[in-house]
Amino acid sequence: MARKDGKRVTVTLRSTEGTGTSYTTSKNRLNQRERLEVRKYDRVLRRHVLFRETR
């Protein structure tokens, strides 16, 4: 089983359109210092929108 040494952290991606839809994913804290931005599918709007990492 893999070690949990704290290099990867679980983050929440929230929709920028204000629908309340969110995804959870993990990122490497050492390689990606800035907030994550990904275009993903919003199930409420039924289209792809920008999702940003929340803290």
C-alpha atoms as a PDB file:
ATOM      1  CA  MET A   1       0.000   0.000   0.000  1.00  0.00           C
ATOM      2  CA  ALA A   2       1.197   3.534  -0.739  1.00  0.00           C
ATOM      3  CA  ARG A   3       2.623   5.798   1.947  1.00  0.00           C
ATOM      4  CA  LYS A   4       0.676   8.828   3.142  1.00  0.00           C
ATOM      5  CA  ASP A   5       3.498  11.324   3.586  1.00  0.00           C
ATOM      6  CA  GLY A   6       1.563  14.510   2.830  1.00  0.00           C
ATOM      7  CA  LYS A   7       2.790  15.328  -0.663  1.00  0.00           C
ATOM      8  CA  ARG A   8      -0.649  14.840  -2.192  1.00  0.00           C
ATOM      9  CA  VAL A   9      -3.630  16.707  -0.830  1.00  0.00           C
ATOM     10  CA  THR A  10      -7.366  16.300  -1.508  1.00  0.00           C
ATOM     11  CA  VAL A  11      -8.941  19.453  -2.970  1.00  0.00           C
ATOM     12  CA  THR A  12     -12.514  20.463  -3.785  1.00  0.00           C
ATOM     13  CA  LEU A  13     -13.346  21.952  -7.185  1.00  0.00           C
ATOM     14  CA  ARG A  14     -16.405  24.230  -7.093  1.00  0.00           C
ATOM     15  CA  SER A  15     -18.331  25.543 -10.119  1.00  0.00           C
ATOM     16  CA  THR A  16     -17.771  29.200 -11.011  1.00  0.00           C
ATOM     17  CA  GLU A  17     -21.360  29.501 -12.244  1.00  0.00           C
ATOM     18  CA  GLY A  18     -22.766  29.394  -8.711  1.00  0.00           C
ATOM     19  CA  THR A  19     -24.799  26.199  -9.020  1.00  0.00           C
ATOM     20  CA  GLY A  20     -23.150  24.547  -6.012  1.00  0.00           C
ATOM     21  CA  THR A  21     -21.836  21.602  -8.014  1.00  0.00           C
ATOM     22  CA  SER A  22     -18.455  20.335  -6.844  1.00  0.00           C
ATOM     23  CA  TYR A  23     -15.885  17.639  -7.572  1.00  0.00           C
ATOM     24  CA  THR A  24     -13.110  16.296  -5.357  1.00  0.00           C
ATOM     25  CA  THR A  25      -9.672  15.371  -6.656  1.00  0.00           C
ATOM     26  CA  SER A  26      -6.089  15.249  -5.444  1.00  0.00           C
ATOM     27  CA  LYS A  27      -3.054  17.239  -6.483  1.00  0.00           C
ATOM     28  CA  ASN A  28       0.649  17.193  -5.740  1.00  0.00           C
ATOM     29  CA  ARG A  29       1.353  20.042  -3.331  1.00  0.00           C
ATOM     30  CA  LEU A  30       5.030  20.279  -4.336  1.00  0.00           C
ATOM     31  CA  ASN A  31       4.504  20.577  -8.108  1.00  0.00           C
ATOM     32  CA  GLN A  32       1.317  22.683  -8.195  1.00  0.00           C
ATOM     33  CA  ARG A  33       1.442  25.611  -5.799  1.00  0.00           C
ATOM     34  CA  GLU A  34      -1.326  27.680  -7.425  1.00  0.00           C
ATOM     35  CA  ARG A  35      -5.036  26.897  -7.327  1.00  0.00           C
ATOM     36  CA  LEU A  36      -6.287  24.317  -9.775  1.00  0.00           C
ATOM     37  CA  GLU A  37      -8.670  25.372 -12.592  1.00  0.00           C
ATOM     38  CA  VAL A  38     -10.342  22.720 -14.764  1.00  0.00           C
ATOM     39  CA  ARG A  39     -13.232  22.737 -17.233  1.00  0.00           C
ATOM     40  CA  LYS A  40     -15.615  19.994 -16.146  1.00  0.00           C
ATOM     41  CA  TYR A  41     -19.245  19.028 -16.668  1.00  0.00           C
ATOM     42  CA  ASP A  42     -21.818  20.829 -14.474  1.00  0.00           C
ATOM     43  CA  ARG A  43     -24.766  18.475 -13.976  1.00  0.00           C
ATOM     44  CA  VAL A  44     -27.176  21.296 -13.052  1.00  0.00           C
ATOM     45  CA  LEU A  45     -26.479  23.419 -16.156  1.00  0.00           C
ATOM     46  CA  ARG A  46     -25.828  20.344 -18.338  1.00  0.00           C
ATOM     47  CA  ARG A  47     -22.742  21.861 -19.961  1.00  0.00           C
ATOM     48  CA  HIS A  48     -19.003  22.235 -19.356  1.00  0.00           C
ATOM     49  CA  VAL A  49     -17.955  25.170 -17.163  1.00  0.00           C
ATOM     50  CA  LEU A  50     -14.856  26.295 -15.286  1.00  0.00           C
ATOM     51  CA  PHE A  51     -14.273  24.744 -11.855  1.00  0.00           C
ATOM     52  CA  ARG A  52     -11.827  26.327  -9.386  1.00  0.00           C
ATOM     53  CA  GLU A  53     -10.144  24.906  -6.323  1.00  0.00           C
ATOM     54  CA  THR A  54     -11.623  26.069  -3.004  1.00  0.00           C
ATOM     55  CA  ARG A  55      -9.818  26.028   0.321  1.00  0.00           C
END
